[in-house]
């Protein structure tokens, strides 16, 4: 998919958390940039603590932004008022990680699904019941389940209910924050297929936050890789997953399990593992202390951003050199 116009545009986004008067603020995001086009899925990947959920929460208005801009449909919503944020829920919705904690256990799911309609639309009881029934059927549940409670459903069914709730107002963008991590593998596949079918039928866009690289080819058009709050690589999903450019992305992919033992051994031979976590450097590339290819240039100012083809980019000062070295190695085989 080729993105021609952005629905969501994030520019130089920085988010800091205060840690008390005697400690400096924690920078969870620093100068992050990404775009999401209509009908597009963008995967935001990285290990725990990389800033993925912070970025998603900033879009949803759940954390204050220190600097930078968030633009949705041409409107700057970075510091939108509470009233404007309420109105934006018609266009921007979320599906969270925990299908057990995201639903009120003492409220029937029909009432939970009707809640967005009560807040934004004036409908009769019959019209509201019809909307709830249609939403449940869209996610593979019968209309009769509207009177049941969350405790009567499995984890996969609860996540389907969460998706149905997110679709009640026909949003343009859904922030999916680790929606598969609490589910079994077989259920993950079912939920992925559901999300793809919803996108195909409704044209909704996804910002899909995940640490599981194996699901990216099945859901995402493009990938944005975060490390300690910094965007280190972007590009088409197939390109990033098969030919990663940044050493951190390479380490993520080589660490991901694969059912093919030969492929797993090949990954380990060709890609050096990242070193243990150390203190974040004051200047230079944030990945330099762990990078197997780190050199003096990596600690001298911010890394240069290079184009990688297909509209992708990589923030690595040694990228041209490492690419030439790999090309020579492949040519000698």
C-alpha atoms as a PDB file:
ATOM      1  CA  UNK A   1       0.000   0.000   0.000  1.00  0.00           C
ATOM      2  CA  UNK A   2       1.265   3.459  -0.883  1.00  0.00           C
ATOM      3  CA  UNK A   3       0.269   6.255   1.471  1.00  0.00           C
ATOM      4  CA  UNK A   4      -0.618   9.398  -0.475  1.00  0.00           C
ATOM      5  CA  UNK A   5      -2.182  11.565   2.243  1.00  0.00           C
ATOM      6  CA  UNK A   6      -1.874  11.366   5.996  1.00  0.00           C
ATOM      7  CA  UNK A   7      -4.863  11.050   8.284  1.00  0.00           C
ATOM      8  CA  UNK A   8      -2.633  11.137  11.352  1.00  0.00           C
ATOM      9  CA  UNK A   9       0.677  12.998  11.415  1.00  0.00           C
ATOM     10  CA  UNK A  10       3.026  13.093  14.392  1.00  0.00           C
ATOM     11  CA  UNK A  11       5.986  15.457  14.237  1.00  0.00           C
ATOM     12  CA  UNK A  12       8.880  15.731  16.715  1.00  0.00           C
ATOM     13  CA  UNK A  13       6.773  14.384  19.573  1.00  0.00           C
ATOM     14  CA  UNK A  14       8.413  14.478  23.002  1.00  0.00           C
ATOM     15  CA  UNK A  15       6.760  13.215  26.183  1.00  0.00           C
ATOM     16  CA  UNK A  16       8.353  13.498  29.615  1.00  0.00           C
ATOM     17  CA  UNK A  17       7.137  12.140  32.944  1.00  0.00           C
ATOM     18  CA  UNK A  18       7.871  13.993  36.161  1.00  0.00           C
ATOM     19  CA  UNK A  19       9.547  11.888  38.865  1.00  0.00           C
ATOM     20  CA  UNK A  20       9.467  14.334  41.749  1.00  0.00           C
ATOM     21  CA  UNK A  21      11.307  17.527  42.592  1.00  0.00           C
ATOM     22  CA  UNK A  22      14.653  15.854  43.233  1.00  0.00           C
ATOM     23  CA  UNK A  23      14.807  13.776  40.064  1.00  0.00           C
ATOM     24  CA  UNK A  24      15.031  14.893  36.448  1.00  0.00           C
ATOM     25  CA  UNK A  25      12.017  14.066  34.262  1.00  0.00           C
ATOM     26  CA  UNK A  26      11.970  10.755  32.430  1.00  0.00           C
ATOM     27  CA  UNK A  27      11.893  11.208  28.645  1.00  0.00           C
ATOM     28  CA  UNK A  28       9.644   8.446  27.336  1.00  0.00           C
ATOM     29  CA  UNK A  29       9.505   9.817  23.767  1.00  0.00           C
ATOM     30  CA  UNK A  30      11.939  12.116  22.015  1.00  0.00           C
ATOM     31  CA  UNK A  31      11.294  13.778  18.641  1.00  0.00           C
ATOM     32  CA  UNK A  32       9.171  10.865  17.396  1.00  0.00           C
ATOM     33  CA  UNK A  33       7.635  11.159  13.920  1.00  0.00           C
ATOM     34  CA  UNK A  34       5.155   8.945  12.080  1.00  0.00           C
ATOM     35  CA  UNK A  35       2.174   9.125   9.747  1.00  0.00           C
ATOM     36  CA  UNK A  36      -0.903   6.957   9.186  1.00  0.00           C
ATOM     37  CA  UNK A  37      -2.862   7.192   5.939  1.00  0.00           C
ATOM     38  CA  UNK A  38      -6.567   6.418   5.468  1.00  0.00           C
ATOM     39  CA  UNK A  39      -7.123   2.667   5.417  1.00  0.00           C
ATOM     40  CA  UNK A  40      -3.532   1.952   6.417  1.00  0.00           C
ATOM     41  CA  UNK A  41      -2.100  -0.172   9.232  1.00  0.00           C
ATOM     42  CA  UNK A  42       1.122   1.056  10.810  1.00  0.00           C
ATOM     43  CA  UNK A  43       2.863  -1.224  13.306  1.00  0.00           C
ATOM     44  CA  UNK A  44       4.731   0.434  16.154  1.00  0.00           C
ATOM     45  CA  UNK A  45       7.276  -2.050  17.502  1.00  0.00           C
ATOM     46  CA  UNK A  46       9.967  -2.202  20.157  1.00  0.00           C
ATOM     47  CA  UNK A  47      10.793  -3.878  23.430  1.00  0.00           C
ATOM     48  CA  UNK A  48       9.157  -3.007  26.748  1.00  0.00           C
ATOM     49  CA  UNK A  49       9.960   0.547  27.808  1.00  0.00           C
ATOM     50  CA  UNK A  50      10.582   1.791  24.283  1.00  0.00           C
ATOM     51  CA  UNK A  51       7.722   4.318  24.426  1.00  0.00           C
ATOM     52  CA  UNK A  52       5.134   2.527  22.287  1.00  0.00           C
ATOM     53  CA  UNK A  53       2.203   2.846  24.684  1.00  0.00           C
ATOM     54  CA  UNK A  54       3.210   6.402  25.583  1.00  0.00           C
ATOM     55  CA  UNK A  55       2.888   7.383  21.925  1.00  0.00           C
ATOM     56  CA  UNK A  56      -0.508   5.703  21.663  1.00  0.00           C
ATOM     57  CA  UNK A  57      -1.696   7.389  24.859  1.00  0.00           C
ATOM     58  CA  UNK A  58      -0.515  10.767  23.577  1.00  0.00           C
ATOM     59  CA  UNK A  59      -2.681  10.324  20.475  1.00  0.00           C
ATOM     60  CA  UNK A  60      -5.639   9.456  22.708  1.00  0.00           C
ATOM     61  CA  UNK A  61      -4.992  12.468  24.938  1.00  0.00           C
ATOM     62  CA  UNK A  62      -4.227  10.313  27.983  1.00  0.00           C
ATOM     63  CA  UNK A  63      -0.760  11.785  28.648  1.00  0.00           C
ATOM     64  CA  UNK A  64       0.402  15.416  28.275  1.00  0.00           C
ATOM     65  CA  UNK A  65       2.743  16.247  25.411  1.00  0.00           C
ATOM     66  CA  UNK A  66       5.942  18.125  26.249  1.00  0.00           C
ATOM     67  CA  UNK A  67       6.668  19.287  22.693  1.00  0.00           C
ATOM     68  CA  UNK A  68       5.866  18.427  19.095  1.00  0.00           C
ATOM     69  CA  UNK A  69       2.525  18.130  17.304  1.00  0.00           C
ATOM     70  CA  UNK A  70      -0.212  15.565  16.718  1.00  0.00           C
ATOM     71  CA  UNK A  71      -2.341  16.398  13.690  1.00  0.00           C
ATOM     72  CA  UNK A  72      -5.521  14.486  12.836  1.00  0.00           C
ATOM     73  CA  UNK A  73      -7.355  15.202   9.587  1.00  0.00           C
ATOM     74  CA  UNK A  74      -5.476  18.502   9.319  1.00  0.00           C
ATOM     75  CA  UNK A  75      -6.368  19.605  12.865  1.00  0.00           C
ATOM     76  CA  UNK A  76      -3.753  20.085  15.567  1.00  0.00           C
ATOM     77  CA  UNK A  77      -5.059  18.013  18.503  1.00  0.00           C
ATOM     78  CA  UNK A  78      -1.851  18.063  20.560  1.00  0.00           C
ATOM     79  CA  UNK A  79      -3.383  20.080  23.380  1.00  0.00           C
ATOM     80  CA  UNK A  80      -7.075  19.665  22.561  1.00  0.00           C
ATOM     81  CA  UNK A  81      -9.542  20.653  25.277  1.00  0.00           C
ATOM     82  CA  UNK A  82     -11.491  18.029  27.190  1.00  0.00           C
ATOM     83  CA  UNK A  83     -14.599  18.923  25.197  1.00  0.00           C
ATOM     84  CA  UNK A  84     -12.793  18.511  21.896  1.00  0.00           C
ATOM     85  CA  UNK A  85     -11.267  15.243  23.096  1.00  0.00           C
ATOM     86  CA  UNK A  86     -14.738  13.957  23.886  1.00  0.00           C
ATOM     87  CA  UNK A  87     -15.863  14.813  20.351  1.00  0.00           C
ATOM     88  CA  UNK A  88     -12.750  13.164  18.883  1.00  0.00           C
ATOM     89  CA  UNK A  89     -13.810   9.795  20.296  1.00  0.00           C
ATOM     90  CA  UNK A  90     -16.180   9.607  17.345  1.00  0.00           C
ATOM     91  CA  UNK A  91     -13.123   9.470  15.069  1.00  0.00           C
ATOM     92  CA  UNK A  92     -10.395   7.908  17.232  1.00  0.00           C
ATOM     93  CA  UNK A  93     -10.946   4.779  19.323  1.00  0.00           C
ATOM     94  CA  UNK A  94      -8.733   2.262  21.128  1.00  0.00           C
ATOM     95  CA  UNK A  95      -8.465  -1.454  21.815  1.00  0.00           C
ATOM     96  CA  UNK A  96      -6.298  -2.146  24.851  1.00  0.00           C
ATOM     97  CA  UNK A  97      -4.130  -5.071  25.886  1.00  0.00           C
ATOM     98  CA  UNK A  98      -6.167  -6.639  28.651  1.00  0.00           C
ATOM     99  CA  UNK A  99      -9.598  -7.918  27.566  1.00  0.00           C
ATOM    100  CA  UNK A 100     -10.284  -8.789  31.215  1.00  0.00           C
ATOM    101  CA  UNK A 101      -9.670  -5.325  32.622  1.00  0.00           C
ATOM    102  CA  UNK A 102     -11.079  -3.215  29.780  1.00  0.00           C
ATOM    103  CA  UNK A 103     -14.715  -4.300  30.328  1.00  0.00           C
ATOM    104  CA  UNK A 104     -16.857  -3.508  33.371  1.00  0.00           C
ATOM    105  CA  UNK A 105     -17.507  -6.906  35.013  1.00  0.00           C
ATOM    106  CA  UNK A 106     -20.865  -5.886  36.487  1.00  0.00           C
ATOM    107  CA  UNK A 107     -22.307  -4.384  33.312  1.00  0.00           C
ATOM    108  CA  UNK A 108     -23.935  -6.412  30.535  1.00  0.00           C
ATOM    109  CA  UNK A 109     -21.979  -6.104  27.314  1.00  0.00           C
ATOM    110  CA  UNK A 110     -24.989  -4.702  25.477  1.00  0.00           C
ATOM    111  CA  UNK A 111     -24.987  -1.746  27.844  1.00  0.00           C
ATOM    112  CA  UNK A 112     -21.210  -1.375  27.470  1.00  0.00           C
ATOM    113  CA  UNK A 113     -21.510  -1.260  23.684  1.00  0.00           C
ATOM    114  CA  UNK A 114     -24.396   1.208  23.857  1.00  0.00           C
ATOM    115  CA  UNK A 115     -22.440   3.655  26.013  1.00  0.00           C
ATOM    116  CA  UNK A 116     -20.703   5.456  23.082  1.00  0.00           C
ATOM    117  CA  UNK A 117     -24.069   5.809  21.340  1.00  0.00           C
ATOM    118  CA  UNK A 118     -25.602   7.353  24.452  1.00  0.00           C
ATOM    119  CA  UNK A 119     -22.785   9.903  24.569  1.00  0.00           C
ATOM    120  CA  UNK A 120     -22.801  10.926  20.919  1.00  0.00           C
ATOM    121  CA  UNK A 121     -26.103  10.033  19.241  1.00  0.00           C
ATOM    122  CA  UNK A 122     -29.801  10.347  19.946  1.00  0.00           C
ATOM    123  CA  UNK A 123     -31.365   6.968  19.221  1.00  0.00           C
ATOM    124  CA  UNK A 124     -34.445   5.123  20.364  1.00  0.00           C
ATOM    125  CA  UNK A 125     -34.093   1.947  22.393  1.00  0.00           C
ATOM    126  CA  UNK A 126     -34.915  -0.150  19.333  1.00  0.00           C
ATOM    127  CA  UNK A 127     -32.346   1.654  17.171  1.00  0.00           C
ATOM    128  CA  UNK A 128     -29.690   1.294  19.859  1.00  0.00           C
ATOM    129  CA  UNK A 129     -30.413  -2.416  20.253  1.00  0.00           C
ATOM    130  CA  UNK A 130     -30.124  -2.845  16.479  1.00  0.00           C
ATOM    131  CA  UNK A 131     -26.724  -1.104  16.451  1.00  0.00           C
ATOM    132  CA  UNK A 132     -25.480  -3.294  19.323  1.00  0.00           C
ATOM    133  CA  UNK A 133     -26.695  -6.469  17.602  1.00  0.00           C
ATOM    134  CA  UNK A 134     -25.015  -5.474  14.337  1.00  0.00           C
ATOM    135  CA  UNK A 135     -21.730  -4.743  16.115  1.00  0.00           C
ATOM    136  CA  UNK A 136     -21.757  -8.097  17.890  1.00  0.00           C
ATOM    137  CA  UNK A 137     -22.490  -9.973  14.690  1.00  0.00           C
ATOM    138  CA  UNK A 138     -19.696  -8.125  12.902  1.00  0.00           C
ATOM    139  CA  UNK A 139     -17.165  -9.509  15.375  1.00  0.00           C
ATOM    140  CA  UNK A 140     -18.579 -13.042  15.241  1.00  0.00           C
ATOM    141  CA  UNK A 141     -20.864 -13.027  18.301  1.00  0.00           C
ATOM    142  CA  UNK A 142     -24.619 -13.508  18.314  1.00  0.00           C
ATOM    143  CA  UNK A 143     -26.991 -10.683  19.140  1.00  0.00           C
ATOM    144  CA  UNK A 144     -28.329 -12.743  22.068  1.00  0.00           C
ATOM    145  CA  UNK A 145     -25.040 -12.287  23.944  1.00  0.00           C
ATOM    146  CA  UNK A 146     -25.883  -8.603  24.577  1.00  0.00           C
ATOM    147  CA  UNK A 147     -27.475  -9.569  27.908  1.00  0.00           C
ATOM    148  CA  UNK A 148     -24.458 -11.532  29.117  1.00  0.00           C
ATOM    149  CA  UNK A 149     -21.623 -10.318  31.342  1.00  0.00           C
ATOM    150  CA  UNK A 150     -17.846 -10.236  30.635  1.00  0.00           C
ATOM    151  CA  UNK A 151     -17.170 -13.108  33.065  1.00  0.00           C
ATOM    152  CA  UNK A 152     -19.218 -15.420  30.846  1.00  0.00           C
ATOM    153  CA  UNK A 153     -16.812 -15.039  27.901  1.00  0.00           C
ATOM    154  CA  UNK A 154     -13.342 -16.322  27.059  1.00  0.00           C
ATOM    155  CA  UNK A 155     -10.387 -13.960  26.593  1.00  0.00           C
ATOM    156  CA  UNK A 156     -10.699 -14.033  22.808  1.00  0.00           C
ATOM    157  CA  UNK A 157     -14.421 -13.314  22.984  1.00  0.00           C
ATOM    158  CA  UNK A 158     -13.815 -10.394  25.338  1.00  0.00           C
ATOM    159  CA  UNK A 159     -11.311  -8.921  22.908  1.00  0.00           C
ATOM    160  CA  UNK A 160     -13.919  -9.266  20.157  1.00  0.00           C
ATOM    161  CA  UNK A 161     -16.313  -7.328  22.390  1.00  0.00           C
ATOM    162  CA  UNK A 162     -13.646  -4.649  22.902  1.00  0.00           C
ATOM    163  CA  UNK A 163     -13.263  -4.383  19.126  1.00  0.00           C
ATOM    164  CA  UNK A 164     -17.042  -4.135  18.722  1.00  0.00           C
ATOM    165  CA  UNK A 165     -17.109  -1.299  21.274  1.00  0.00           C
ATOM    166  CA  UNK A 166     -14.360   0.533  19.361  1.00  0.00           C
ATOM    167  CA  UNK A 167     -16.425   0.239  16.153  1.00  0.00           C
ATOM    168  CA  UNK A 168     -19.709   1.545  17.570  1.00  0.00           C
ATOM    169  CA  UNK A 169     -19.157   5.117  16.336  1.00  0.00           C
ATOM    170  CA  UNK A 170     -17.520   4.115  13.003  1.00  0.00           C
ATOM    171  CA  UNK A 171     -14.140   5.697  13.823  1.00  0.00           C
ATOM    172  CA  UNK A 172     -11.500   6.565  11.247  1.00  0.00           C
ATOM    173  CA  UNK A 173      -8.550   5.451  13.400  1.00  0.00           C
ATOM    174  CA  UNK A 174      -8.172   2.725  16.054  1.00  0.00           C
ATOM    175  CA  UNK A 175      -5.141   2.602  18.331  1.00  0.00           C
ATOM    176  CA  UNK A 176      -4.556  -1.090  19.074  1.00  0.00           C
ATOM    177  CA  UNK A 177      -2.258  -1.308  22.100  1.00  0.00           C
ATOM    178  CA  UNK A 178      -0.900  -4.876  22.328  1.00  0.00           C
ATOM    179  CA  UNK A 179      -4.358  -6.354  21.572  1.00  0.00           C
ATOM    180  CA  UNK A 180      -2.993  -9.900  21.157  1.00  0.00           C
ATOM    181  CA  UNK A 181      -0.491 -10.297  23.992  1.00  0.00           C
ATOM    182  CA  UNK A 182      -2.972 -11.704  26.524  1.00  0.00           C
ATOM    183  CA  UNK A 183      -4.388 -14.280  24.091  1.00  0.00           C
ATOM    184  CA  UNK A 184      -3.435 -17.824  23.088  1.00  0.00           C
ATOM    185  CA  UNK A 185      -1.776 -18.267  19.691  1.00  0.00           C
ATOM    186  CA  UNK A 186      -4.846 -19.772  18.014  1.00  0.00           C
ATOM    187  CA  UNK A 187      -7.029 -16.962  19.366  1.00  0.00           C
ATOM    188  CA  UNK A 188      -4.465 -14.371  18.223  1.00  0.00           C
ATOM    189  CA  UNK A 189      -4.904 -15.582  14.643  1.00  0.00           C
ATOM    190  CA  UNK A 190      -8.678 -15.268  14.917  1.00  0.00           C
ATOM    191  CA  UNK A 191      -8.478 -11.709  16.247  1.00  0.00           C
ATOM    192  CA  UNK A 192      -5.951 -10.745  13.549  1.00  0.00           C
ATOM    193  CA  UNK A 193      -8.266 -12.067  10.857  1.00  0.00           C
ATOM    194  CA  UNK A 194     -11.139 -10.124  12.418  1.00  0.00           C
ATOM    195  CA  UNK A 195      -9.136  -6.873  12.409  1.00  0.00           C
ATOM    196  CA  UNK A 196      -8.177  -7.376   8.767  1.00  0.00           C
ATOM    197  CA  UNK A 197     -11.789  -8.087   7.784  1.00  0.00           C
ATOM    198  CA  UNK A 198     -12.963  -4.949   9.592  1.00  0.00           C
ATOM    199  CA  UNK A 199     -10.367  -2.865   7.784  1.00  0.00           C
ATOM    200  CA  UNK A 200     -11.288  -4.371   4.428  1.00  0.00           C
ATOM    201  CA  UNK A 201     -15.000  -3.731   4.957  1.00  0.00           C
ATOM    202  CA  UNK A 202     -14.909  -0.347   6.712  1.00  0.00           C
ATOM    203  CA  UNK A 203     -11.619   1.234   5.590  1.00  0.00           C
ATOM    204  CA  UNK A 204     -10.538   1.968   9.171  1.00  0.00           C
ATOM    205  CA  UNK A 205      -6.877   2.781   9.913  1.00  0.00           C
ATOM    206  CA  UNK A 206      -4.845   1.082  12.645  1.00  0.00           C
ATOM    207  CA  UNK A 207      -1.885   2.120  14.728  1.00  0.00           C
ATOM    208  CA  UNK A 208      -0.945  -1.385  15.847  1.00  0.00           C
ATOM    209  CA  UNK A 209       1.326  -1.360  18.893  1.00  0.00           C
ATOM    210  CA  UNK A 210       3.140  -4.634  19.465  1.00  0.00           C
ATOM    211  CA  UNK A 211       6.367  -6.264  20.601  1.00  0.00           C
ATOM    212  CA  UNK A 212       5.579  -9.417  18.587  1.00  0.00           C
ATOM    213  CA  UNK A 213       7.281  -9.108  15.216  1.00  0.00           C
ATOM    214  CA  UNK A 214       5.737 -12.325  13.910  1.00  0.00           C
ATOM    215  CA  UNK A 215       2.293 -10.709  13.556  1.00  0.00           C
ATOM    216  CA  UNK A 216       3.528  -7.674  11.601  1.00  0.00           C
ATOM    217  CA  UNK A 217       3.430  -9.205   8.096  1.00  0.00           C
ATOM    218  CA  UNK A 218      -0.178 -10.272   8.710  1.00  0.00           C
ATOM    219  CA  UNK A 219      -1.569  -6.876   9.771  1.00  0.00           C
ATOM    220  CA  UNK A 220       0.747  -3.974   8.893  1.00  0.00           C
ATOM    221  CA  UNK A 221       1.521  -2.065   5.717  1.00  0.00           C
ATOM    222  CA  UNK A 222       4.356  -0.096   7.310  1.00  0.00           C
ATOM    223  CA  UNK A 223       6.507  -0.420  10.426  1.00  0.00           C
ATOM    224  CA  UNK A 224       7.950   2.151  12.826  1.00  0.00           C
ATOM    225  CA  UNK A 225      10.639   0.825  15.194  1.00  0.00           C
ATOM    226  CA  UNK A 226      11.160   2.559  18.556  1.00  0.00           C
ATOM    227  CA  UNK A 227      14.120   2.213  20.885  1.00  0.00           C
ATOM    228  CA  UNK A 228      14.160   4.108  24.184  1.00  0.00           C
ATOM    229  CA  UNK A 229      11.772   6.711  22.862  1.00  0.00           C
ATOM    230  CA  UNK A 230      13.542   7.285  19.542  1.00  0.00           C
ATOM    231  CA  UNK A 231      12.436   6.190  16.082  1.00  0.00           C
ATOM    232  CA  UNK A 232      15.357   4.179  14.687  1.00  0.00           C
ATOM    233  CA  UNK A 233      13.815   2.692  11.543  1.00  0.00           C
ATOM    234  CA  UNK A 234      10.720   2.960   9.359  1.00  0.00           C
ATOM    235  CA  UNK A 235       9.662   1.273   6.156  1.00  0.00           C
ATOM    236  CA  UNK A 236       7.284  -1.121   4.385  1.00  0.00           C
ATOM    237  CA  UNK A 237       6.469  -4.135   6.552  1.00  0.00           C
ATOM    238  CA  UNK A 238       7.917  -6.741   4.201  1.00  0.00           C
ATOM    239  CA  UNK A 239      11.134  -4.745   3.807  1.00  0.00           C
ATOM    240  CA  UNK A 240      11.701  -4.171   7.515  1.00  0.00           C
ATOM    241  CA  UNK A 241      10.860  -7.760   8.472  1.00  0.00           C
ATOM    242  CA  UNK A 242      13.019  -9.440   5.812  1.00  0.00           C
ATOM    243  CA  UNK A 243      15.845  -6.917   5.338  1.00  0.00           C
ATOM    244  CA  UNK A 244      16.087  -4.795   8.509  1.00  0.00           C
ATOM    245  CA  UNK A 245      18.541  -1.913   8.252  1.00  0.00           C
ATOM    246  CA  UNK A 246      19.109  -0.825  11.856  1.00  0.00           C
ATOM    247  CA  UNK A 247      21.156  -3.067  14.181  1.00  0.00           C
ATOM    248  CA  UNK A 248      18.407  -2.852  16.795  1.00  0.00           C
ATOM    249  CA  UNK A 249      15.763  -4.070  14.339  1.00  0.00           C
ATOM    250  CA  UNK A 250      18.108  -6.860  13.310  1.00  0.00           C
ATOM    251  CA  UNK A 251      18.505  -7.859  16.967  1.00  0.00           C
ATOM    252  CA  UNK A 252      14.719  -7.880  17.463  1.00  0.00           C
ATOM    253  CA  UNK A 253      14.165 -10.120  14.454  1.00  0.00           C
ATOM    254  CA  UNK A 254      17.011 -12.496  15.280  1.00  0.00           C
ATOM    255  CA  UNK A 255      15.593 -12.885  18.801  1.00  0.00           C
ATOM    256  CA  UNK A 256      12.092 -13.714  17.563  1.00  0.00           C
ATOM    257  CA  UNK A 257      11.425 -17.490  17.637  1.00  0.00           C
ATOM    258  CA  UNK A 258      10.814 -19.339  14.390  1.00  0.00           C
ATOM    259  CA  UNK A 259       9.485 -22.905  13.944  1.00  0.00           C
ATOM    260  CA  UNK A 260      12.256 -23.688  11.451  1.00  0.00           C
ATOM    261  CA  UNK A 261      15.443 -24.740  13.341  1.00  0.00           C
ATOM    262  CA  UNK A 262      17.655 -24.184  10.290  1.00  0.00           C
ATOM    263  CA  UNK A 263      16.360 -20.637   9.869  1.00  0.00           C
ATOM    264  CA  UNK A 264      16.873 -19.955  13.565  1.00  0.00           C
ATOM    265  CA  UNK A 265      20.500 -21.135  13.383  1.00  0.00           C
ATOM    266  CA  UNK A 266      21.071 -19.030  10.270  1.00  0.00           C
ATOM    267  CA  UNK A 267      19.770 -15.936  12.068  1.00  0.00           C
ATOM    268  CA  UNK A 268      22.113 -16.508  14.968  1.00  0.00           C
ATOM    269  CA  UNK A 269      25.136 -16.972  12.688  1.00  0.00           C
ATOM    270  CA  UNK A 270      24.572 -13.909  10.528  1.00  0.00           C
ATOM    271  CA  UNK A 271      23.395 -11.385  13.130  1.00  0.00           C
ATOM    272  CA  UNK A 272      25.325 -10.537  16.231  1.00  0.00           C
ATOM    273  CA  UNK A 273      23.234 -10.223  19.402  1.00  0.00           C
ATOM    274  CA  UNK A 274      22.887  -6.866  21.103  1.00  0.00           C
ATOM    275  CA  UNK A 275      24.934  -6.327  24.228  1.00  0.00           C
ATOM    276  CA  UNK A 276      23.363  -6.069  27.662  1.00  0.00           C
ATOM    277  CA  UNK A 277      21.433  -2.915  28.589  1.00  0.00           C
ATOM    278  CA  UNK A 278      23.656  -0.116  29.847  1.00  0.00           C
ATOM    279  CA  UNK A 279      23.221   3.533  30.771  1.00  0.00           C
ATOM    280  CA  UNK A 280      21.727   5.647  28.000  1.00  0.00           C
ATOM    281  CA  UNK A 281      24.424   7.920  26.511  1.00  0.00           C
ATOM    282  CA  UNK A 282      24.145  11.663  26.973  1.00  0.00           C
ATOM    283  CA  UNK A 283      24.825  12.270  23.278  1.00  0.00           C
ATOM    284  CA  UNK A 284      24.915  10.185  20.134  1.00  0.00           C
ATOM    285  CA  UNK A 285      22.913   7.125  19.158  1.00  0.00           C
ATOM    286  CA  UNK A 286      20.834   5.724  22.049  1.00  0.00           C
ATOM    287  CA  UNK A 287      21.542   2.181  20.860  1.00  0.00           C
ATOM    288  CA  UNK A 288      25.323   2.648  20.707  1.00  0.00           C
ATOM    289  CA  UNK A 289      26.097   1.036  24.120  1.00  0.00           C
ATOM    290  CA  UNK A 290      24.378  -2.183  22.990  1.00  0.00           C
ATOM    291  CA  UNK A 291      25.222  -2.120  19.289  1.00  0.00           C
ATOM    292  CA  UNK A 292      27.679  -4.778  18.014  1.00  0.00           C
ATOM    293  CA  UNK A 293      28.777  -2.322  15.291  1.00  0.00           C
ATOM    294  CA  UNK A 294      29.281   0.701  17.545  1.00  0.00           C
ATOM    295  CA  UNK A 295      32.184   3.027  16.662  1.00  0.00           C
ATOM    296  CA  UNK A 296      33.394   6.495  17.647  1.00  0.00           C
ATOM    297  CA  UNK A 297      31.043   8.165  15.157  1.00  0.00           C
ATOM    298  CA  UNK A 298      28.073   6.678  17.017  1.00  0.00           C
ATOM    299  CA  UNK A 299      28.738   8.824  20.096  1.00  0.00           C
ATOM    300  CA  UNK A 300      29.417  12.083  18.243  1.00  0.00           C
ATOM    301  CA  UNK A 301      26.055  13.794  17.820  1.00  0.00           C
ATOM    302  CA  UNK A 302      22.700  12.514  16.647  1.00  0.00           C
ATOM    303  CA  UNK A 303      22.808   9.672  14.084  1.00  0.00           C
ATOM    304  CA  UNK A 304      22.294  10.595  10.446  1.00  0.00           C
ATOM    305  CA  UNK A 305      18.982   9.472   8.954  1.00  0.00           C
ATOM    306  CA  UNK A 306      19.353   7.656   5.612  1.00  0.00           C
ATOM    307  CA  UNK A 307      16.699   6.603   3.106  1.00  0.00           C
ATOM    308  CA  UNK A 308      16.394   2.825   2.725  1.00  0.00           C
ATOM    309  CA  UNK A 309      14.063   2.604  -0.262  1.00  0.00           C
ATOM    310  CA  UNK A 310      10.313   2.177  -0.421  1.00  0.00           C
ATOM    311  CA  UNK A 311       9.874   5.358   1.598  1.00  0.00           C
ATOM    312  CA  UNK A 312      11.742   3.865   4.552  1.00  0.00           C
ATOM    313  CA  UNK A 313      14.482   5.402   6.675  1.00  0.00           C
ATOM    314  CA  UNK A 314      17.085   4.367   9.237  1.00  0.00           C
ATOM    315  CA  UNK A 315      18.794   6.453  11.926  1.00  0.00           C
ATOM    316  CA  UNK A 316      22.263   4.912  11.859  1.00  0.00           C
ATOM    317  CA  UNK A 317      25.500   6.789  11.177  1.00  0.00           C
ATOM    318  CA  UNK A 318      27.206   3.611   9.943  1.00  0.00           C
ATOM    319  CA  UNK A 319      24.389   2.451   7.662  1.00  0.00           C
ATOM    320  CA  UNK A 320      26.180   3.097   4.304  1.00  0.00           C
ATOM    321  CA  UNK A 321      29.358   1.399   5.535  1.00  0.00           C
ATOM    322  CA  UNK A 322      27.553  -1.621   6.956  1.00  0.00           C
ATOM    323  CA  UNK A 323      25.454  -1.972   3.805  1.00  0.00           C
ATOM    324  CA  UNK A 324      28.569  -1.964   1.593  1.00  0.00           C
ATOM    325  CA  UNK A 325      30.224  -4.534   3.854  1.00  0.00           C
ATOM    326  CA  UNK A 326      27.202  -6.845   3.644  1.00  0.00           C
ATOM    327  CA  UNK A 327      27.092  -6.472  -0.144  1.00  0.00           C
ATOM    328  CA  UNK A 328      30.772  -7.468  -0.417  1.00  0.00           C
ATOM    329  CA  UNK A 329      30.231 -10.472   1.874  1.00  0.00           C
ATOM    330  CA  UNK A 330      27.284 -11.688  -0.201  1.00  0.00           C
ATOM    331  CA  UNK A 331      29.287 -11.196  -3.403  1.00  0.00           C
ATOM    332  CA  UNK A 332      32.125 -13.373  -2.093  1.00  0.00           C
ATOM    333  CA  UNK A 333      29.828 -16.336  -1.445  1.00  0.00           C
END
